[in-house]
PDB file of N, CA and C in Angstrom:
ATOM      1  N   UNK A   1      89.638 200.753 115.356  1.00  0.00           N
ATOM      2  CA  UNK A   1      88.833 201.390 114.497  1.00  0.00           C
ATOM      3  C   UNK A   1      87.785 202.602 115.310  1.00  0.00           C
ATOM      4  N   UNK A   2      87.584 203.535 114.841  1.00  0.00           N
ATOM      5  CA  UNK A   2      86.812 204.784 115.248  1.00  0.00           C
ATOM      6  C   UNK A   2      85.978 205.139 114.384  1.00  0.00           C
ATOM      7  N   UNK A   3      84.324 204.878 114.933  1.00  0.00           N
ATOM      8  CA  UNK A   3      83.499 205.728 113.609  1.00  0.00           C
ATOM      9  C   UNK A   3      83.368 205.075 112.285  1.00  0.00           C
ATOM     10  N   UNK A   4      84.033 203.674 112.320  1.00  0.00           N
ATOM     11  CA  UNK A   4      84.182 202.953 111.287  1.00  0.00           C
ATOM     12  C   UNK A   4      85.484 203.147 110.441  1.00  0.00           C
ATOM     13  N   UNK A   5      86.253 204.164 110.861  1.00  0.00           N
ATOM     14  CA  UNK A   5      87.382 204.805 110.120  1.00  0.00           C
ATOM     15  C   UNK A   5      88.648 204.167 110.291  1.00  0.00           C
ATOM     16  N   UNK A   6      89.561 203.541 109.620  1.00  0.00           N
ATOM     17  CA  UNK A   6      90.736 202.775 109.742  1.00  0.00           C
ATOM     18  C   UNK A   6      91.931 203.691 109.757  1.00  0.00           C
ATOM     19  N   UNK A   7      92.726 203.912 110.865  1.00  0.00           N
ATOM     20  CA  UNK A   7      93.693 204.921 110.724  1.00  0.00           C
ATOM     21  C   UNK A   7      95.141 204.267 110.296  1.00  0.00           C
ATOM     22  N   UNK A   8      95.134 202.828 110.656  1.00  0.00           N
ATOM     23  CA  UNK A   8      96.659 202.496 110.255  1.00  0.00           C
ATOM     24  C   UNK A   8      97.327 202.449 110.996  1.00  0.00           C
ATOM     25  N   UNK A   9      97.082 202.866 112.268  1.00  0.00           N
ATOM     26  CA  UNK A   9      98.277 203.152 113.540  1.00  0.00           C
ATOM     27  C   UNK A   9      98.348 201.902 114.219  1.00  0.00           C
ATOM     28  N   UNK A  10      97.565 200.988 114.063  1.00  0.00           N
ATOM     29  CA  UNK A  10      97.412 199.698 115.087  1.00  0.00           C
ATOM     30  C   UNK A  10      97.692 198.592 114.379  1.00  0.00           C
ATOM     31  N   UNK A  11      99.018 197.216 114.884  1.00  0.00           N
ATOM     32  CA  UNK A  11      98.606 196.173 114.329  1.00  0.00           C
ATOM     33  C   UNK A  11      98.798 194.934 115.436  1.00  0.00           C
ATOM     34  N   UNK A  12      98.293 194.118 115.035  1.00  0.00           N
ATOM     35  CA  UNK A  12      98.501 192.573 115.583  1.00  0.00           C
ATOM     36  C   UNK A  12      98.946 191.512 114.935  1.00  0.00           C
ATOM     37  N   UNK A  13      99.738 190.895 115.817  1.00  0.00           N
ATOM     38  CA  UNK A  13     100.495 189.788 115.271  1.00  0.00           C
ATOM     39  C   UNK A  13     100.241 188.582 115.994  1.00  0.00           C
ATOM     40  N   UNK A  14      99.867 187.539 115.411  1.00  0.00           N
ATOM     41  CA  UNK A  14      99.596 186.168 116.055  1.00  0.00           C
ATOM     42  C   UNK A  14     100.601 185.357 115.774  1.00  0.00           C
ATOM     43  N   UNK A  15     101.213 184.583 116.579  1.00  0.00           N
ATOM     44  CA  UNK A  15     102.657 183.979 116.305  1.00  0.00           C
ATOM     45  C   UNK A  15     102.203 182.444 117.405  1.00  0.00           C
ATOM     46  N   UNK A  16     102.670 181.472 116.553  1.00  0.00           N
ATOM     47  CA  UNK A  16     102.297 180.193 117.078  1.00  0.00           C
ATOM     48  C   UNK A  16     103.859 179.966 118.009  1.00  0.00           C
ATOM     49  N   UNK A  17     104.253 179.680 119.010  1.00  0.00           N
ATOM     50  CA  UNK A  17     105.566 179.252 119.547  1.00  0.00           C
ATOM     51  C   UNK A  17     105.689 177.800 119.922  1.00  0.00           C
ATOM     52  N   UNK A  18     105.069 176.894 119.171  1.00  0.00           N
ATOM     53  CA  UNK A  18     105.008 175.617 119.503  1.00  0.00           C
ATOM     54  C   UNK A  18     104.334 174.854 120.616  1.00  0.00           C
ATOM     55  N   UNK A  19     103.856 175.947 121.654  1.00  0.00           N
ATOM     56  CA  UNK A  19     103.299 175.342 122.715  1.00  0.00           C
ATOM     57  C   UNK A  19     101.644 175.988 122.497  1.00  0.00           C
ATOM     58  N   UNK A  20     101.507 177.307 121.917  1.00  0.00           N
ATOM     59  CA  UNK A  20     100.255 177.978 121.796  1.00  0.00           C
ATOM     60  C   UNK A  20     100.435 179.220 121.198  1.00  0.00           C
ATOM     61  N   UNK A  21      99.640 179.963 120.932  1.00  0.00           N
ATOM     62  CA  UNK A  21      99.413 181.159 120.239  1.00  0.00           C
ATOM     63  C   UNK A  21      99.725 182.397 121.255  1.00  0.00           C
ATOM     64  N   UNK A  22     100.592 183.379 120.609  1.00  0.00           N
ATOM     65  CA  UNK A  22     100.860 184.443 121.377  1.00  0.00           C
ATOM     66  C   UNK A  22     100.440 185.562 120.435  1.00  0.00           C
ATOM     67  N   UNK A  23      99.584 186.757 121.245  1.00  0.00           N
ATOM     68  CA  UNK A  23      98.941 187.875 120.345  1.00  0.00           C
ATOM     69  C   UNK A  23      99.888 189.018 121.143  1.00  0.00           C
ATOM     70  N   UNK A  24     100.577 189.567 119.821  1.00  0.00           N
ATOM     71  CA  UNK A  24     101.354 190.741 119.995  1.00  0.00           C
ATOM     72  C   UNK A  24     100.106 192.158 119.290  1.00  0.00           C
ATOM     73  N   UNK A  25     100.333 193.029 120.158  1.00  0.00           N
ATOM     74  CA  UNK A  25      99.484 194.074 119.714  1.00  0.00           C
ATOM     75  C   UNK A  25     100.448 195.278 119.717  1.00  0.00           C
ATOM     76  N   UNK A  26     100.408 196.356 118.941  1.00  0.00           N
ATOM     77  CA  UNK A  26     101.174 197.488 118.711  1.00  0.00           C
ATOM     78  C   UNK A  26     100.664 198.690 118.285  1.00  0.00           C
ATOM     79  N   UNK A  27     100.803 199.966 118.784  1.00  0.00           N
ATOM     80  CA  UNK A  27      99.893 201.318 118.302  1.00  0.00           C
ATOM     81  C   UNK A  27     101.110 202.318 118.519  1.00  0.00           C
ATOM     82  N   UNK A  28     101.177 202.737 117.102  1.00  0.00           N
ATOM     83  CA  UNK A  28     102.094 203.894 117.051  1.00  0.00           C
ATOM     84  C   UNK A  28     101.723 205.160 117.537  1.00  0.00           C
ATOM     85  N   UNK A  29     102.478 205.994 118.042  1.00  0.00           N
ATOM     86  CA  UNK A  29     102.016 207.360 118.520  1.00  0.00           C
ATOM     87  C   UNK A  29     101.842 208.522 117.723  1.00  0.00           C
ATOM     88  N   UNK A  30     102.715 208.371 116.737  1.00  0.00           N
ATOM     89  CA  UNK A  30     102.656 208.898 115.288  1.00  0.00           C
ATOM     90  C   UNK A  30     103.062 208.309 114.015  1.00  0.00           C
ATOM     91  N   UNK A  31     101.903 208.906 113.025  1.00  0.00           N
ATOM     92  CA  UNK A  31     102.191 208.077 111.694  1.00  0.00           C
ATOM     93  C   UNK A  31     101.204 206.731 111.631  1.00  0.00           C
ATOM     94  N   UNK A  32     101.789 206.007 110.626  1.00  0.00           N
ATOM     95  CA  UNK A  32     100.854 204.952 110.335  1.00  0.00           C
ATOM     96  C   UNK A  32     101.855 203.833 110.112  1.00  0.00           C
ATOM     97  N   UNK A  33     101.240 202.527 110.221  1.00  0.00           N
ATOM     98  CA  UNK A  33     102.101 201.219 109.528  1.00  0.00           C
ATOM     99  C   UNK A  33     102.312 201.119 107.756  1.00  0.00           C
ATOM    100  N   UNK A  34     103.273 201.215 107.464  1.00  0.00           N
ATOM    101  CA  UNK A  34     103.577 200.994 106.322  1.00  0.00           C
ATOM    102  C   UNK A  34     102.916 199.530 105.444  1.00  0.00           C
ATOM    103  N   UNK A  35     101.672 199.731 105.426  1.00  0.00           N
ATOM    104  CA  UNK A  35     100.966 198.222 104.896  1.00  0.00           C
ATOM    105  C   UNK A  35     101.148 197.962 103.938  1.00  0.00           C
ATOM    106  N   UNK A  36     101.403 196.411 103.192  1.00  0.00           N
ATOM    107  CA  UNK A  36     101.405 196.300 101.542  1.00  0.00           C
ATOM    108  C   UNK A  36     100.106 196.350 101.065  1.00  0.00           C
ATOM    109  N   UNK A  37      99.933 196.400 100.097  1.00  0.00           N
ATOM    110  CA  UNK A  37      98.371 196.217  99.677  1.00  0.00           C
ATOM    111  C   UNK A  37      98.779 194.845  98.525  1.00  0.00           C
ATOM    112  N   UNK A  38      98.131 194.179  99.277  1.00  0.00           N
ATOM    113  CA  UNK A  38      97.902 192.409  98.700  1.00  0.00           C
ATOM    114  C   UNK A  38      97.258 192.592  97.346  1.00  0.00           C
ATOM    115  N   UNK A  39      98.233 192.242  96.468  1.00  0.00           N
ATOM    116  CA  UNK A  39      97.654 191.915  95.031  1.00  0.00           C
ATOM    117  C   UNK A  39      96.869 191.097  94.549  1.00  0.00           C
ATOM    118  N   UNK A  40      96.690 189.528  95.287  1.00  0.00           N
ATOM    119  CA  UNK A  40      96.431 188.311  95.136  1.00  0.00           C
ATOM    120  C   UNK A  40      95.377 188.126  96.344  1.00  0.00           C
ATOM    121  N   UNK A  41      95.402 188.695  97.184  1.00  0.00           N
ATOM    122  CA  UNK A  41      94.392 188.706  98.594  1.00  0.00           C
ATOM    123  C   UNK A  41      95.351 188.226  99.752  1.00  0.00           C
ATOM    124  N   UNK A  42      96.481 188.005  99.444  1.00  0.00           N
ATOM    125  CA  UNK A  42      97.457 187.717 100.556  1.00  0.00           C
ATOM    126  C   UNK A  42      98.663 188.453 100.416  1.00  0.00           C
ATOM    127  N   UNK A  43      99.886 188.419 101.338  1.00  0.00           N
ATOM    128  CA  UNK A  43     100.904 189.180 101.332  1.00  0.00           C
ATOM    129  C   UNK A  43     102.194 188.158 102.163  1.00  0.00           C
ATOM    130  N   UNK A  44     103.188 188.187 101.755  1.00  0.00           N
ATOM    131  CA  UNK A  44     104.510 187.369 102.102  1.00  0.00           C
ATOM    132  C   UNK A  44     105.416 188.436 102.571  1.00  0.00           C
ATOM    133  N   UNK A  45     105.761 188.381 103.667  1.00  0.00           N
ATOM    134  CA  UNK A  45     106.964 189.349 104.252  1.00  0.00           C
ATOM    135  C   UNK A  45     108.369 188.323 104.352  1.00  0.00           C
ATOM    136  N   UNK A  46     109.089 188.867 104.302  1.00  0.00           N
ATOM    137  CA  UNK A  46     110.444 188.335 105.190  1.00  0.00           C
ATOM    138  C   UNK A  46     110.374 188.841 106.559  1.00  0.00           C
ATOM    139  N   UNK A  47     111.159 187.888 107.119  1.00  0.00           N
ATOM    140  CA  UNK A  47     111.342 188.230 108.668  1.00  0.00           C
ATOM    141  C   UNK A  47     112.063 189.720 108.719  1.00  0.00           C
ATOM    142  N   UNK A  48     113.086 189.820 108.087  1.00  0.00           N
ATOM    143  CA  UNK A  48     113.342 191.149 107.749  1.00  0.00           C
ATOM    144  C   UNK A  48     112.486 192.316 107.743  1.00  0.00           C
ATOM    145  N   UNK A  49     111.808 192.122 106.610  1.00  0.00           N
ATOM    146  CA  UNK A  49     110.354 193.300 106.282  1.00  0.00           C
ATOM    147  C   UNK A  49     109.333 193.417 107.511  1.00  0.00           C
ATOM    148  N   UNK A  50     109.369 191.936 108.190  1.00  0.00           N
ATOM    149  CA  UNK A  50     108.278 192.123 109.415  1.00  0.00           C
ATOM    150  C   UNK A  50     108.945 192.858 110.491  1.00  0.00           C
ATOM    151  N   UNK A  51     110.224 192.646 110.625  1.00  0.00           N
ATOM    152  CA  UNK A  51     110.852 193.385 112.021  1.00  0.00           C
ATOM    153  C   UNK A  51     110.561 194.872 111.486  1.00  0.00           C
ATOM    154  N   UNK A  52     110.813 195.130 110.390  1.00  0.00           N
ATOM    155  CA  UNK A  52     110.909 196.877 110.054  1.00  0.00           C
ATOM    156  C   UNK A  52     109.432 197.322 110.334  1.00  0.00           C
ATOM    157  N   UNK A  53     108.296 196.518 109.701  1.00  0.00           N
ATOM    158  CA  UNK A  53     106.990 196.757 109.824  1.00  0.00           C
ATOM    159  C   UNK A  53     106.575 197.018 111.266  1.00  0.00           C
ATOM    160  N   UNK A  54     107.098 196.221 111.840  1.00  0.00           N
ATOM    161  CA  UNK A  54     106.724 196.259 113.406  1.00  0.00           C
ATOM    162  C   UNK A  54     107.285 197.421 114.423  1.00  0.00           C
ATOM    163  N   UNK A  55     108.351 197.848 113.682  1.00  0.00           N
ATOM    164  CA  UNK A  55     108.980 199.134 114.300  1.00  0.00           C
ATOM    165  C   UNK A  55     108.277 200.068 113.769  1.00  0.00           C
ATOM    166  N   UNK A  56     107.424 200.238 112.799  1.00  0.00           N
ATOM    167  CA  UNK A  56     106.866 201.076 112.018  1.00  0.00           C
ATOM    168  C   UNK A  56     107.955 201.899 110.983  1.00  0.00           C
ATOM    169  N   UNK A  57     108.521 201.019 110.603  1.00  0.00           N
ATOM    170  CA  UNK A  57     109.824 201.736 109.303  1.00  0.00           C
ATOM    171  C   UNK A  57     109.482 201.185 108.049  1.00  0.00           C
ATOM    172  N   UNK A  58     109.289 201.976 107.464  1.00  0.00           N
ATOM    173  CA  UNK A  58     108.508 201.726 105.839  1.00  0.00           C
ATOM    174  C   UNK A  58     109.281 200.616 105.110  1.00  0.00           C
ATOM    175  N   UNK A  59     109.417 199.454 105.443  1.00  0.00           N
ATOM    176  CA  UNK A  59     110.050 198.286 104.626  1.00  0.00           C
ATOM    177  C   UNK A  59     110.335 198.404 102.995  1.00  0.00           C
ATOM    178  N   UNK A  60     109.345 199.053 102.321  1.00  0.00           N
ATOM    179  CA  UNK A  60     109.858 199.164 100.981  1.00  0.00           C
ATOM    180  C   UNK A  60     110.510 200.282 100.542  1.00  0.00           C
ATOM    181  N   UNK A  61     110.966 201.238 101.572  1.00  0.00           N
ATOM    182  CA  UNK A  61     112.319 202.311 101.212  1.00  0.00           C
ATOM    183  C   UNK A  61     112.658 202.779 102.511  1.00  0.00           C
ATOM    184  N   UNK A  62     113.203 201.797 103.105  1.00  0.00           N
ATOM    185  CA  UNK A  62     114.251 202.186 104.613  1.00  0.00           C
ATOM    186  C   UNK A  62     114.934 203.595 104.149  1.00  0.00           C
ATOM    187  N   UNK A  63     115.142 204.289 105.023  1.00  0.00           N
ATOM    188  CA  UNK A  63     115.761 205.380 104.884  1.00  0.00           C
ATOM    189  C   UNK A  63     117.359 205.216 105.796  1.00  0.00           C
ATOM    190  N   UNK A  64     118.134 204.741 105.544  1.00  0.00           N
ATOM    191  CA  UNK A  64     119.642 204.412 105.390  1.00  0.00           C
ATOM    192  C   UNK A  64     119.956 205.732 106.176  1.00  0.00           C
ATOM    193  N   UNK A  65     120.634 205.553 107.491  1.00  0.00           N
ATOM    194  CA  UNK A  65     121.413 207.151 107.882  1.00  0.00           C
ATOM    195  C   UNK A  65     122.893 206.511 108.297  1.00  0.00           C
ATOM    196  N   UNK A  66     124.059 207.360 108.723  1.00  0.00           N
ATOM    197  CA  UNK A  66     125.066 206.873 108.729  1.00  0.00           C
ATOM    198  C   UNK A  66     125.167 206.299 110.212  1.00  0.00           C
ATOM    199  N   UNK A  67     126.103 205.150 110.418  1.00  0.00           N
ATOM    200  CA  UNK A  67     126.298 204.681 111.242  1.00  0.00           C
ATOM    201  C   UNK A  67     126.774 205.477 112.689  1.00  0.00           C
ATOM    202  N   UNK A  68     126.575 205.075 113.910  1.00  0.00           N
ATOM    203  CA  UNK A  68     126.554 206.246 114.985  1.00  0.00           C
ATOM    204  C   UNK A  68     128.019 206.311 115.312  1.00  0.00           C
ATOM    205  N   UNK A  69     128.377 207.330 115.692  1.00  0.00           N
ATOM    206  CA  UNK A  69     129.954 207.668 115.874  1.00  0.00           C
ATOM    207  C   UNK A  69     130.458 206.966 117.060  1.00  0.00           C
ATOM    208  N   UNK A  70     131.858 206.607 116.838  1.00  0.00           N
ATOM    209  CA  UNK A  70     132.201 205.872 117.654  1.00  0.00           C
ATOM    210  C   UNK A  70     132.716 206.296 118.929  1.00  0.00           C
ATOM    211  N   UNK A  71     132.307 205.894 119.895  1.00  0.00           N
ATOM    212  CA  UNK A  71     132.806 206.570 121.384  1.00  0.00           C
ATOM    213  C   UNK A  71     134.032 206.136 121.980  1.00  0.00           C
ATOM    214  N   UNK A  72     134.830 206.982 122.164  1.00  0.00           N
ATOM    215  CA  UNK A  72     136.438 206.812 122.953  1.00  0.00           C
ATOM    216  C   UNK A  72     136.375 206.510 124.194  1.00  0.00           C
TER     217      UNK A  72
END
């Protein structure tokens, strides 16, 4: 947070691995994380949605591209 303004380019993830907590922190160089709006105060994401969110992909509207060309 800078001067009280939220930019949405940072995300923290707290994960319990069975022995303790791991804190992951990521900052996007360009753009913002597509954060869901909580209608009831909480948000539930599938593991696939969380993976796309973590990579900065808009999990609500993923842009599907053609598969990579086959290398001979």
